[in-house]
């Protein structure tokens, strides 16, 4: 009897069982890219979070690198969300709209 928390890790027939890690599925967006400013949990340092981008990880990394270069600041990509350091919402909106994306400023 197996419950949800147990799994087969070794079999005398086949040896060690290696499960392939499941890739995290991102929810499908509504076609609108949202830019939000966040400071909570960041010791007062503000970042802009860009969500709703329907791209694979490689394309997100390239887009983040381009945005960081044009904004002149740092940032990263975490779980499908692009983080850009500082409050650059207006500049980010212009850059993303120039790429043909529908952009909204979210939050306060």
PDB file of N, CA and C in Angstrom:
ATOM      1  N   UNK A   1       0.846  -1.179   0.000  1.00  0.00           N
ATOM      2  CA  UNK A   1       0.000   0.000   0.000  1.00  0.00           C
ATOM      3  C   UNK A   1       0.892   1.243   0.000  1.00  0.00           C
ATOM      4  N   UNK A   2       0.703   2.096  -1.006  1.00  0.00           N
ATOM      5  CA  UNK A   2       1.528   3.296  -1.133  1.00  0.00           C
ATOM      6  C   UNK A   2       0.654   4.529  -0.972  1.00  0.00           C
ATOM      7  N   UNK A   3       1.153   5.489  -0.232  1.00  0.00           N
ATOM      8  CA  UNK A   3       0.426   6.742  -0.124  1.00  0.00           C
ATOM      9  C   UNK A   3       1.060   7.765  -1.065  1.00  0.00           C
ATOM     10  N   UNK A   4       0.552   8.978  -1.055  1.00  0.00           N
ATOM     11  CA  UNK A   4       1.030  10.010  -1.975  1.00  0.00           C
ATOM     12  C   UNK A   4       2.455  10.467  -1.665  1.00  0.00           C
ATOM     13  N   UNK A   5       2.919  10.234  -0.433  1.00  0.00           N
ATOM     14  CA  UNK A   5       4.222  10.738  -0.024  1.00  0.00           C
ATOM     15  C   UNK A   5       5.346   9.728  -0.251  1.00  0.00           C
ATOM     16  N   UNK A   6       5.049   8.523  -0.686  1.00  0.00           N
ATOM     17  CA  UNK A   6       6.095   7.534  -0.886  1.00  0.00           C
ATOM     18  C   UNK A   6       6.307   7.283  -2.378  1.00  0.00           C
ATOM     19  N   UNK A   7       7.513   6.844  -2.699  1.00  0.00           N
ATOM     20  CA  UNK A   7       7.825   6.555  -4.091  1.00  0.00           C
ATOM     21  C   UNK A   7       8.879   5.453  -4.133  1.00  0.00           C
ATOM     22  N   UNK A   8       8.981   4.776  -5.237  1.00  0.00           N
ATOM     23  CA  UNK A   8       9.939   3.706  -5.423  1.00  0.00           C
ATOM     24  C   UNK A   8      11.300   4.299  -5.757  1.00  0.00           C
ATOM     25  N   UNK A   9      12.332   3.961  -4.979  1.00  0.00           N
ATOM     26  CA  UNK A   9      13.656   4.509  -5.232  1.00  0.00           C
ATOM     27  C   UNK A   9      14.648   3.441  -5.672  1.00  0.00           C
ATOM     28  N   UNK A  10      14.340   2.157  -5.426  1.00  0.00           N
ATOM     29  CA  UNK A  10      15.252   1.096  -5.831  1.00  0.00           C
ATOM     30  C   UNK A  10      14.452  -0.152  -6.156  1.00  0.00           C
ATOM     31  N   UNK A  11      14.857  -0.832  -7.200  1.00  0.00           N
ATOM     32  CA  UNK A  11      14.212  -2.075  -7.588  1.00  0.00           C
ATOM     33  C   UNK A  11      15.301  -3.114  -7.808  1.00  0.00           C
ATOM     34  N   UNK A  12      15.086  -4.346  -7.320  1.00  0.00           N
ATOM     35  CA  UNK A  12      16.085  -5.396  -7.515  1.00  0.00           C
ATOM     36  C   UNK A  12      16.196  -5.773  -8.987  1.00  0.00           C
ATOM     37  N   UNK A  13      15.159  -5.487  -9.752  1.00  0.00           N
ATOM     38  CA  UNK A  13      15.175  -5.804 -11.176  1.00  0.00           C
ATOM     39  C   UNK A  13      15.966  -4.770 -11.983  1.00  0.00           C
ATOM     40  N   UNK A  14      15.721  -3.485 -11.720  1.00  0.00           N
ATOM     41  CA  UNK A  14      16.312  -2.444 -12.554  1.00  0.00           C
ATOM     42  C   UNK A  14      17.347  -1.579 -11.859  1.00  0.00           C
ATOM     43  N   UNK A  15      17.545  -1.753 -10.563  1.00  0.00           N
ATOM     44  CA  UNK A  15      18.495  -0.912  -9.851  1.00  0.00           C
ATOM     45  C   UNK A  15      17.855   0.380  -9.385  1.00  0.00           C
ATOM     46  N   UNK A  16      18.665   1.411  -9.284  1.00  0.00           N
ATOM     47  CA  UNK A  16      18.205   2.703  -8.765  1.00  0.00           C
ATOM     48  C   UNK A  16      17.203   3.344  -9.722  1.00  0.00           C
ATOM     49  N   UNK A  17      16.132   3.874  -9.176  1.00  0.00           N
ATOM     50  CA  UNK A  17      15.083   4.530  -9.944  1.00  0.00           C
ATOM     51  C   UNK A  17      15.309   6.037  -9.848  1.00  0.00           C
ATOM     52  N   UNK A  18      15.545   6.687 -10.969  1.00  0.00           N
ATOM     53  CA  UNK A  18      15.712   8.139 -11.003  1.00  0.00           C
ATOM     54  C   UNK A  18      14.494   8.750 -11.663  1.00  0.00           C
ATOM     55  N   UNK A  19      13.771   9.538 -10.883  1.00  0.00           N
ATOM     56  CA  UNK A  19      12.617  10.235 -11.447  1.00  0.00           C
ATOM     57  C   UNK A  19      13.083  11.492 -12.145  1.00  0.00           C
ATOM     58  N   UNK A  20      12.473  11.768 -13.245  1.00  0.00           N
ATOM     59  CA  UNK A  20      12.772  13.011 -13.941  1.00  0.00           C
ATOM     60  C   UNK A  20      12.026  14.128 -13.223  1.00  0.00           C
ATOM     61  N   UNK A  21      12.714  15.234 -12.917  1.00  0.00           N
ATOM     62  CA  UNK A  21      12.024  16.321 -12.224  1.00  0.00           C
ATOM     63  C   UNK A  21      10.965  16.942 -13.118  1.00  0.00           C
ATOM     64  N   UNK A  22       9.852  17.242 -12.520  1.00  0.00           N
ATOM     65  CA  UNK A  22       8.762  17.860 -13.265  1.00  0.00           C
ATOM     66  C   UNK A  22       9.055  19.340 -13.407  1.00  0.00           C
ATOM     67  N   UNK A  23       8.908  19.845 -14.608  1.00  0.00           N
ATOM     68  CA  UNK A  23       9.103  21.281 -14.797  1.00  0.00           C
ATOM     69  C   UNK A  23       7.854  22.002 -14.303  1.00  0.00           C
ATOM     70  N   UNK A  24       8.082  23.115 -13.659  1.00  0.00           N
ATOM     71  CA  UNK A  24       6.968  23.879 -13.113  1.00  0.00           C
ATOM     72  C   UNK A  24       6.167  24.494 -14.259  1.00  0.00           C
ATOM     73  N   UNK A  25       4.887  24.222 -14.262  1.00  0.00           N
ATOM     74  CA  UNK A  25       4.014  24.762 -15.293  1.00  0.00           C
ATOM     75  C   UNK A  25       3.553  26.154 -14.874  1.00  0.00           C
ATOM     76  N   UNK A  26       3.781  27.117 -15.742  1.00  0.00           N
ATOM     77  CA  UNK A  26       3.319  28.468 -15.461  1.00  0.00           C
ATOM     78  C   UNK A  26       1.895  28.618 -15.958  1.00  0.00           C
ATOM     79  N   UNK A  27       1.073  29.332 -15.212  1.00  0.00           N
ATOM     80  CA  UNK A  27      -0.293  29.531 -15.691  1.00  0.00           C
ATOM     81  C   UNK A  27      -0.300  30.387 -16.954  1.00  0.00           C
ATOM     82  N   UNK A  28      -1.212  30.073 -17.841  1.00  0.00           N
ATOM     83  CA  UNK A  28      -1.309  30.829 -19.088  1.00  0.00           C
ATOM     84  C   UNK A  28      -1.807  32.233 -18.787  1.00  0.00           C
ATOM     85  N   UNK A  29      -1.168  33.215 -19.365  1.00  0.00           N
ATOM     86  CA  UNK A  29      -1.545  34.597 -19.126  1.00  0.00           C
ATOM     87  C   UNK A  29      -2.748  35.002 -19.952  1.00  0.00           C
ATOM     88  N   UNK A  30      -3.219  36.218 -19.704  1.00  0.00           N
ATOM     89  CA  UNK A  30      -4.366  36.729 -20.444  1.00  0.00           C
ATOM     90  C   UNK A  30      -3.938  37.649 -21.582  1.00  0.00           C
ATOM     91  N   UNK A  31      -2.638  37.638 -21.899  1.00  0.00           N
ATOM     92  CA  UNK A  31      -2.129  38.445 -22.993  1.00  0.00           C
ATOM     93  C   UNK A  31      -1.715  39.842 -22.579  1.00  0.00           C
ATOM     94  N   UNK A  32      -1.826  40.143 -21.290  1.00  0.00           N
ATOM     95  CA  UNK A  32      -1.454  41.464 -20.793  1.00  0.00           C
ATOM     96  C   UNK A  32      -0.237  41.318 -19.897  1.00  0.00           C
ATOM     97  N   UNK A  33       0.791  42.094 -20.182  1.00  0.00           N
ATOM     98  CA  UNK A  33       2.003  42.099 -19.364  1.00  0.00           C
ATOM     99  C   UNK A  33       1.800  43.136 -18.269  1.00  0.00           C
ATOM    100  N   UNK A  34       2.036  42.736 -17.023  1.00  0.00           N
ATOM    101  CA  UNK A  34       1.842  43.645 -15.897  1.00  0.00           C
ATOM    102  C   UNK A  34       3.177  43.979 -15.254  1.00  0.00           C
ATOM    103  N   UNK A  35       3.368  45.265 -14.953  1.00  0.00           N
ATOM    104  CA  UNK A  35       4.577  45.731 -14.286  1.00  0.00           C
ATOM    105  C   UNK A  35       4.164  46.235 -12.907  1.00  0.00           C
ATOM    106  N   UNK A  36       4.764  45.668 -11.882  1.00  0.00           N
ATOM    107  CA  UNK A  36       4.388  45.978 -10.512  1.00  0.00           C
ATOM    108  C   UNK A  36       5.635  46.352  -9.720  1.00  0.00           C
ATOM    109  N   UNK A  37       5.538  47.347  -8.857  1.00  0.00           N
ATOM    110  CA  UNK A  37       6.649  47.723  -7.987  1.00  0.00           C
ATOM    111  C   UNK A  37       6.470  47.024  -6.652  1.00  0.00           C
ATOM    112  N   UNK A  38       7.559  46.456  -6.119  1.00  0.00           N
ATOM    113  CA  UNK A  38       7.475  45.730  -4.858  1.00  0.00           C
ATOM    114  C   UNK A  38       8.682  46.061  -3.995  1.00  0.00           C
ATOM    115  N   UNK A  39       8.425  46.292  -2.702  1.00  0.00           N
ATOM    116  CA  UNK A  39       9.511  46.536  -1.759  1.00  0.00           C
ATOM    117  C   UNK A  39       9.462  45.567  -0.591  1.00  0.00           C
ATOM    118  N   UNK A  40       8.352  44.876  -0.386  1.00  0.00           N
ATOM    119  CA  UNK A  40       8.211  44.025   0.789  1.00  0.00           C
ATOM    120  C   UNK A  40       9.184  42.852   0.744  1.00  0.00           C
ATOM    121  N   UNK A  41       9.840  42.613   1.868  1.00  0.00           N
ATOM    122  CA  UNK A  41      10.791  41.513   1.974  1.00  0.00           C
ATOM    123  C   UNK A  41      12.112  41.794   1.300  1.00  0.00           C
ATOM    124  N   UNK A  42      12.367  43.037   0.937  1.00  0.00           N
ATOM    125  CA  UNK A  42      13.599  43.377   0.222  1.00  0.00           C
ATOM    126  C   UNK A  42      14.376  44.480   0.931  1.00  0.00           C
ATOM    127  N   UNK A  43      14.158  44.613   2.218  1.00  0.00           N
ATOM    128  CA  UNK A  43      14.854  45.595   3.060  1.00  0.00           C
ATOM    129  C   UNK A  43      14.701  47.008   2.516  1.00  0.00           C
ATOM    130  N   UNK A  44      13.515  47.339   2.027  1.00  0.00           N
ATOM    131  CA  UNK A  44      13.236  48.680   1.536  1.00  0.00           C
ATOM    132  C   UNK A  44      13.692  48.956   0.115  1.00  0.00           C
ATOM    133  N   UNK A  45      14.412  48.031  -0.480  1.00  0.00           N
ATOM    134  CA  UNK A  45      14.870  48.211  -1.859  1.00  0.00           C
ATOM    135  C   UNK A  45      13.737  47.838  -2.805  1.00  0.00           C
ATOM    136  N   UNK A  46      13.426  48.705  -3.727  1.00  0.00           N
ATOM    137  CA  UNK A  46      12.327  48.458  -4.651  1.00  0.00           C
ATOM    138  C   UNK A  46      12.773  47.712  -5.893  1.00  0.00           C
ATOM    139  N   UNK A  47      11.912  46.844  -6.383  1.00  0.00           N
ATOM    140  CA  UNK A  47      12.135  46.168  -7.655  1.00  0.00           C
ATOM    141  C   UNK A  47      10.846  46.234  -8.465  1.00  0.00           C
ATOM    142  N   UNK A  48      10.982  46.126  -9.761  1.00  0.00           N
ATOM    143  CA  UNK A  48       9.832  46.040 -10.653  1.00  0.00           C
ATOM    144  C   UNK A  48       9.670  44.592 -11.077  1.00  0.00           C
ATOM    145  N   UNK A  49       8.486  44.046 -10.875  1.00  0.00           N
ATOM    146  CA  UNK A  49       8.181  42.673 -11.280  1.00  0.00           C
ATOM    147  C   UNK A  49       7.385  42.716 -12.574  1.00  0.00           C
ATOM    148  N   UNK A  50       7.844  41.980 -13.565  1.00  0.00           N
ATOM    149  CA  UNK A  50       7.160  41.922 -14.856  1.00  0.00           C
ATOM    150  C   UNK A  50       6.571  40.523 -14.987  1.00  0.00           C
ATOM    151  N   UNK A  51       5.245  40.442 -14.994  1.00  0.00           N
ATOM    152  CA  UNK A  51       4.557  39.158 -15.073  1.00  0.00           C
ATOM    153  C   UNK A  51       3.687  39.128 -16.322  1.00  0.00           C
ATOM    154  N   UNK A  52       3.251  37.933 -16.680  1.00  0.00           N
ATOM    155  CA  UNK A  52       2.348  37.770 -17.818  1.00  0.00           C
ATOM    156  C   UNK A  52       3.053  37.589 -19.144  1.00  0.00           C
ATOM    157  N   UNK A  53       4.377  37.412 -19.113  1.00  0.00           N
ATOM    158  CA  UNK A  53       5.118  37.185 -20.357  1.00  0.00           C
ATOM    159  C   UNK A  53       4.981  35.722 -20.739  1.00  0.00           C
ATOM    160  N   UNK A  54       4.420  35.466 -21.904  1.00  0.00           N
ATOM    161  CA  UNK A  54       4.203  34.098 -22.365  1.00  0.00           C
ATOM    162  C   UNK A  54       5.388  33.673 -23.234  1.00  0.00           C
ATOM    163  N   UNK A  55       6.529  33.415 -22.556  1.00  0.00           N
ATOM    164  CA  UNK A  55       7.757  33.035 -23.253  1.00  0.00           C
ATOM    165  C   UNK A  55       8.394  31.866 -22.520  1.00  0.00           C
ATOM    166  N   UNK A  56       9.280  31.142 -23.223  1.00  0.00           N
ATOM    167  CA  UNK A  56      10.018  30.083 -22.545  1.00  0.00           C
ATOM    168  C   UNK A  56      11.179  30.710 -21.766  1.00  0.00           C
ATOM    169  N   UNK A  57      11.881  29.894 -20.982  1.00  0.00           N
ATOM    170  CA  UNK A  57      12.924  30.398 -20.084  1.00  0.00           C
ATOM    171  C   UNK A  57      14.068  31.076 -20.830  1.00  0.00           C
ATOM    172  N   UNK A  58      14.460  30.531 -21.964  1.00  0.00           N
ATOM    173  CA  UNK A  58      15.563  31.131 -22.720  1.00  0.00           C
ATOM    174  C   UNK A  58      15.190  32.520 -23.235  1.00  0.00           C
ATOM    175  N   UNK A  59      13.976  32.643 -23.753  1.00  0.00           N
ATOM    176  CA  UNK A  59      13.524  33.935 -24.260  1.00  0.00           C
ATOM    177  C   UNK A  59      13.392  34.950 -23.131  1.00  0.00           C
ATOM    178  N   UNK A  60      12.949  34.488 -21.950  1.00  0.00           N
ATOM    179  CA  UNK A  60      12.849  35.385 -20.798  1.00  0.00           C
ATOM    180  C   UNK A  60      14.225  35.879 -20.372  1.00  0.00           C
ATOM    181  N   UNK A  61      15.216  34.998 -20.379  1.00  0.00           N
ATOM    182  CA  UNK A  61      16.578  35.392 -20.012  1.00  0.00           C
ATOM    183  C   UNK A  61      17.110  36.453 -20.987  1.00  0.00           C
ATOM    184  N   UNK A  62      16.865  36.264 -22.278  1.00  0.00           N
ATOM    185  CA  UNK A  62      17.315  37.245 -23.266  1.00  0.00           C
ATOM    186  C   UNK A  62      16.608  38.584 -23.088  1.00  0.00           C
ATOM    187  N   UNK A  63      15.291  38.542 -22.843  1.00  0.00           N
ATOM    188  CA  UNK A  63      14.532  39.772 -22.643  1.00  0.00           C
ATOM    189  C   UNK A  63      15.013  40.494 -21.382  1.00  0.00           C
ATOM    190  N   UNK A  64      15.229  39.739 -20.304  1.00  0.00           N
ATOM    191  CA  UNK A  64      15.694  40.347 -19.058  1.00  0.00           C
ATOM    192  C   UNK A  64      17.059  40.993 -19.246  1.00  0.00           C
ATOM    193  N   UNK A  65      17.945  40.331 -19.974  1.00  0.00           N
ATOM    194  CA  UNK A  65      19.278  40.900 -20.224  1.00  0.00           C
ATOM    195  C   UNK A  65      19.165  42.208 -21.006  1.00  0.00           C
ATOM    196  N   UNK A  66      18.285  42.228 -21.994  1.00  0.00           N
ATOM    197  CA  UNK A  66      18.098  43.446 -22.790  1.00  0.00           C
ATOM    198  C   UNK A  66      17.518  44.577 -21.936  1.00  0.00           C
ATOM    199  N   UNK A  67      16.514  44.262 -21.100  1.00  0.00           N
ATOM    200  CA  UNK A  67      15.897  45.289 -20.261  1.00  0.00           C
ATOM    201  C   UNK A  67      16.884  45.824 -19.230  1.00  0.00           C
ATOM    202  N   UNK A  68      17.688  44.938 -18.645  1.00  0.00           N
ATOM    203  CA  UNK A  68      18.681  45.370 -17.663  1.00  0.00           C
ATOM    204  C   UNK A  68      19.700  46.308 -18.310  1.00  0.00           C
ATOM    205  N   UNK A  69      20.106  45.978 -19.515  1.00  0.00           N
ATOM    206  CA  UNK A  69      21.096  46.807 -20.219  1.00  0.00           C
ATOM    207  C   UNK A  69      20.521  48.189 -20.536  1.00  0.00           C
ATOM    208  N   UNK A  70      19.279  48.231 -21.032  1.00  0.00           N
ATOM    209  CA  UNK A  70      18.677  49.516 -21.405  1.00  0.00           C
ATOM    210  C   UNK A  70      18.312  50.357 -20.188  1.00  0.00           C
ATOM    211  N   UNK A  71      18.010  49.705 -19.055  1.00  0.00           N
ATOM    212  CA  UNK A  71      17.683  50.449 -17.833  1.00  0.00           C
ATOM    213  C   UNK A  71      18.934  50.806 -17.040  1.00  0.00           C
ATOM    214  N   UNK A  72      20.039  50.140 -17.324  1.00  0.00           N
ATOM    215  CA  UNK A  72      21.273  50.415 -16.605  1.00  0.00           C
ATOM    216  C   UNK A  72      21.233  49.946 -15.169  1.00  0.00           C
ATOM    217  N   UNK A  73      20.620  48.793 -14.927  1.00  0.00           N
ATOM    218  CA  UNK A  73      20.511  48.276 -13.563  1.00  0.00           C
ATOM    219  C   UNK A  73      20.531  46.756 -13.597  1.00  0.00           C
ATOM    220  N   UNK A  74      20.489  46.150 -12.432  1.00  0.00           N
ATOM    221  CA  UNK A  74      20.516  44.697 -12.325  1.00  0.00           C
ATOM    222  C   UNK A  74      19.119  44.110 -12.311  1.00  0.00           C
ATOM    223  N   UNK A  75      19.081  42.798 -12.232  1.00  0.00           N
ATOM    224  CA  UNK A  75      17.808  42.103 -12.185  1.00  0.00           C
ATOM    225  C   UNK A  75      18.006  40.616 -12.361  1.00  0.00           C
ATOM    226  N   UNK A  76      16.888  39.882 -12.403  1.00  0.00           N
ATOM    227  CA  UNK A  76      16.961  38.437 -12.559  1.00  0.00           C
ATOM    228  C   UNK A  76      15.629  37.910 -13.077  1.00  0.00           C
ATOM    229  N   UNK A  77      15.611  36.613 -13.377  1.00  0.00           N
ATOM    230  CA  UNK A  77      14.388  35.915 -13.767  1.00  0.00           C
ATOM    231  C   UNK A  77      14.171  34.802 -12.754  1.00  0.00           C
ATOM    232  N   UNK A  78      13.030  34.825 -12.085  1.00  0.00           N
ATOM    233  CA  UNK A  78      12.709  33.815 -11.084  1.00  0.00           C
ATOM    234  C   UNK A  78      11.309  33.283 -11.338  1.00  0.00           C
ATOM    235  N   UNK A  79      11.202  32.018 -11.638  1.00  0.00           N
ATOM    236  CA  UNK A  79       9.925  31.322 -11.841  1.00  0.00           C
ATOM    237  C   UNK A  79       9.025  32.042 -12.846  1.00  0.00           C
ATOM    238  N   UNK A  80       9.608  32.474 -13.953  1.00  0.00           N
ATOM    239  CA  UNK A  80       8.830  33.097 -15.013  1.00  0.00           C
ATOM    240  C   UNK A  80       8.509  34.560 -14.787  1.00  0.00           C
ATOM    241  N   UNK A  81       9.057  35.160 -13.713  1.00  0.00           N
ATOM    242  CA  UNK A  81       8.834  36.571 -13.413  1.00  0.00           C
ATOM    243  C   UNK A  81      10.164  37.293 -13.562  1.00  0.00           C
ATOM    244  N   UNK A  82      10.166  38.365 -14.350  1.00  0.00           N
ATOM    245  CA  UNK A  82      11.384  39.160 -14.541  1.00  0.00           C
ATOM    246  C   UNK A  82      11.416  40.228 -13.458  1.00  0.00           C
ATOM    247  N   UNK A  83      12.531  40.286 -12.714  1.00  0.00           N
ATOM    248  CA  UNK A  83      12.720  41.300 -11.677  1.00  0.00           C
ATOM    249  C   UNK A  83      13.789  42.278 -12.144  1.00  0.00           C
ATOM    250  N   UNK A  84      13.446  43.558 -12.128  1.00  0.00           N
ATOM    251  CA  UNK A  84      14.385  44.619 -12.492  1.00  0.00           C
ATOM    252  C   UNK A  84      14.538  45.520 -11.271  1.00  0.00           C
ATOM    253  N   UNK A  85      15.783  45.785 -10.880  1.00  0.00           N
ATOM    254  CA  UNK A  85      16.032  46.582  -9.685  1.00  0.00           C
ATOM    255  C   UNK A  85      15.684  48.044  -9.919  1.00  0.00           C
ATOM    256  N   UNK A  86      15.124  48.669  -8.896  1.00  0.00           N
ATOM    257  CA  UNK A  86      14.780  50.085  -8.959  1.00  0.00           C
ATOM    258  C   UNK A  86      13.376  50.302  -9.493  1.00  0.00           C
ATOM    259  N   UNK A  87      12.932  51.549  -9.437  1.00  0.00           N
ATOM    260  CA  UNK A  87      11.595  51.903  -9.927  1.00  0.00           C
ATOM    261  C   UNK A  87      11.722  52.441 -11.343  1.00  0.00           C
ATOM    262  N   UNK A  88      11.667  51.558 -12.318  1.00  0.00           N
ATOM    263  CA  UNK A  88      11.824  51.910 -13.737  1.00  0.00           C
ATOM    264  C   UNK A  88      10.557  51.574 -14.521  1.00  0.00           C
ATOM    265  N   UNK A  89       9.390  51.653 -13.862  1.00  0.00           N
ATOM    266  CA  UNK A  89       8.148  51.198 -14.493  1.00  0.00           C
ATOM    267  C   UNK A  89       7.843  51.905 -15.811  1.00  0.00           C
ATOM    268  N   UNK A  90       8.005  53.215 -15.842  1.00  0.00           N
ATOM    269  CA  UNK A  90       7.666  53.959 -17.062  1.00  0.00           C
ATOM    270  C   UNK A  90       8.580  53.580 -18.228  1.00  0.00           C
ATOM    271  N   UNK A  91       9.877  53.469 -17.947  1.00  0.00           N
ATOM    272  CA  UNK A  91      10.829  53.080 -18.981  1.00  0.00           C
ATOM    273  C   UNK A  91      10.557  51.647 -19.458  1.00  0.00           C
ATOM    274  N   UNK A  92      10.285  50.749 -18.511  1.00  0.00           N
ATOM    275  CA  UNK A  92       9.987  49.353 -18.864  1.00  0.00           C
ATOM    276  C   UNK A  92       8.725  49.273 -19.717  1.00  0.00           C
ATOM    277  N   UNK A  93       7.728  50.081 -19.379  1.00  0.00           N
ATOM    278  CA  UNK A  93       6.486  50.084 -20.160  1.00  0.00           C
ATOM    279  C   UNK A  93       6.765  50.512 -21.597  1.00  0.00           C
ATOM    280  N   UNK A  94       7.562  51.564 -21.778  1.00  0.00           N
ATOM    281  CA  UNK A  94       7.896  52.030 -23.125  1.00  0.00           C
ATOM    282  C   UNK A  94       8.645  50.955 -23.912  1.00  0.00           C
ATOM    283  N   UNK A  95       9.615  50.312 -23.259  1.00  0.00           N
ATOM    284  CA  UNK A  95      10.424  49.296 -23.945  1.00  0.00           C
ATOM    285  C   UNK A  95       9.582  48.087 -24.354  1.00  0.00           C
ATOM    286  N   UNK A  96       8.691  47.650 -23.473  1.00  0.00           N
ATOM    287  CA  UNK A  96       7.864  46.475 -23.780  1.00  0.00           C
ATOM    288  C   UNK A  96       6.796  46.796 -24.823  1.00  0.00           C
ATOM    289  N   UNK A  97       6.242  48.007 -24.776  1.00  0.00           N
ATOM    290  CA  UNK A  97       5.254  48.392 -25.788  1.00  0.00           C
ATOM    291  C   UNK A  97       5.906  48.515 -27.159  1.00  0.00           C
ATOM    292  N   UNK A  98       7.177  48.896 -27.190  1.00  0.00           N
ATOM    293  CA  UNK A  98       7.892  48.978 -28.462  1.00  0.00           C
ATOM    294  C   UNK A  98       8.074  47.593 -29.081  1.00  0.00           C
ATOM    295  N   UNK A  99       8.027  46.553 -28.257  1.00  0.00           N
ATOM    296  CA  UNK A  99       8.115  45.177 -28.748  1.00  0.00           C
ATOM    297  C   UNK A  99       6.750  44.635 -29.153  1.00  0.00           C
ATOM    298  N   UNK A 100       5.703  45.457 -29.059  1.00  0.00           N
ATOM    299  CA  UNK A 100       4.374  45.058 -29.493  1.00  0.00           C
ATOM    300  C   UNK A 100       3.565  44.340 -28.418  1.00  0.00           C
ATOM    301  N   UNK A 101       3.949  44.483 -27.157  1.00  0.00           N
ATOM    302  CA  UNK A 101       3.218  43.841 -26.070  1.00  0.00           C
ATOM    303  C   UNK A 101       2.208  44.812 -25.461  1.00  0.00           C
ATOM    304  N   UNK A 102       1.106  44.283 -24.976  1.00  0.00           N
ATOM    305  CA  UNK A 102       0.115  45.096 -24.277  1.00  0.00           C
ATOM    306  C   UNK A 102       0.523  45.146 -22.809  1.00  0.00           C
ATOM    307  N   UNK A 103       0.784  46.344 -22.282  1.00  0.00           N
ATOM    308  CA  UNK A 103       1.376  46.501 -20.957  1.00  0.00           C
ATOM    309  C   UNK A 103       0.467  47.329 -20.062  1.00  0.00           C
ATOM    310  N   UNK A 104       0.344  46.914 -18.792  1.00  0.00           N
ATOM    311  CA  UNK A 104      -0.394  47.666 -17.785  1.00  0.00           C
ATOM    312  C   UNK A 104       0.511  47.843 -16.576  1.00  0.00           C
ATOM    313  N   UNK A 105       0.398  49.020 -15.929  1.00  0.00           N
ATOM    314  CA  UNK A 105       1.076  49.236 -14.659  1.00  0.00           C
ATOM    315  C   UNK A 105       0.136  48.754 -13.565  1.00  0.00           C
ATOM    316  N   UNK A 106       0.586  47.774 -12.787  1.00  0.00           N
ATOM    317  CA  UNK A 106      -0.253  47.182 -11.755  1.00  0.00           C
ATOM    318  C   UNK A 106       0.216  47.634 -10.381  1.00  0.00           C
ATOM    319  N   UNK A 107      -0.672  47.619  -9.428  1.00  0.00           N
ATOM    320  CA  UNK A 107      -0.299  47.966  -8.057  1.00  0.00           C
ATOM    321  C   UNK A 107      -0.151  49.459  -7.885  1.00  0.00           C
ATOM    322  N   UNK A 108       0.389  49.837  -6.708  1.00  0.00           N
ATOM    323  CA  UNK A 108       0.475  51.256  -6.362  1.00  0.00           C
ATOM    324  C   UNK A 108       1.710  51.869  -6.737  1.00  0.00           C
TER     325      UNK A 108
END
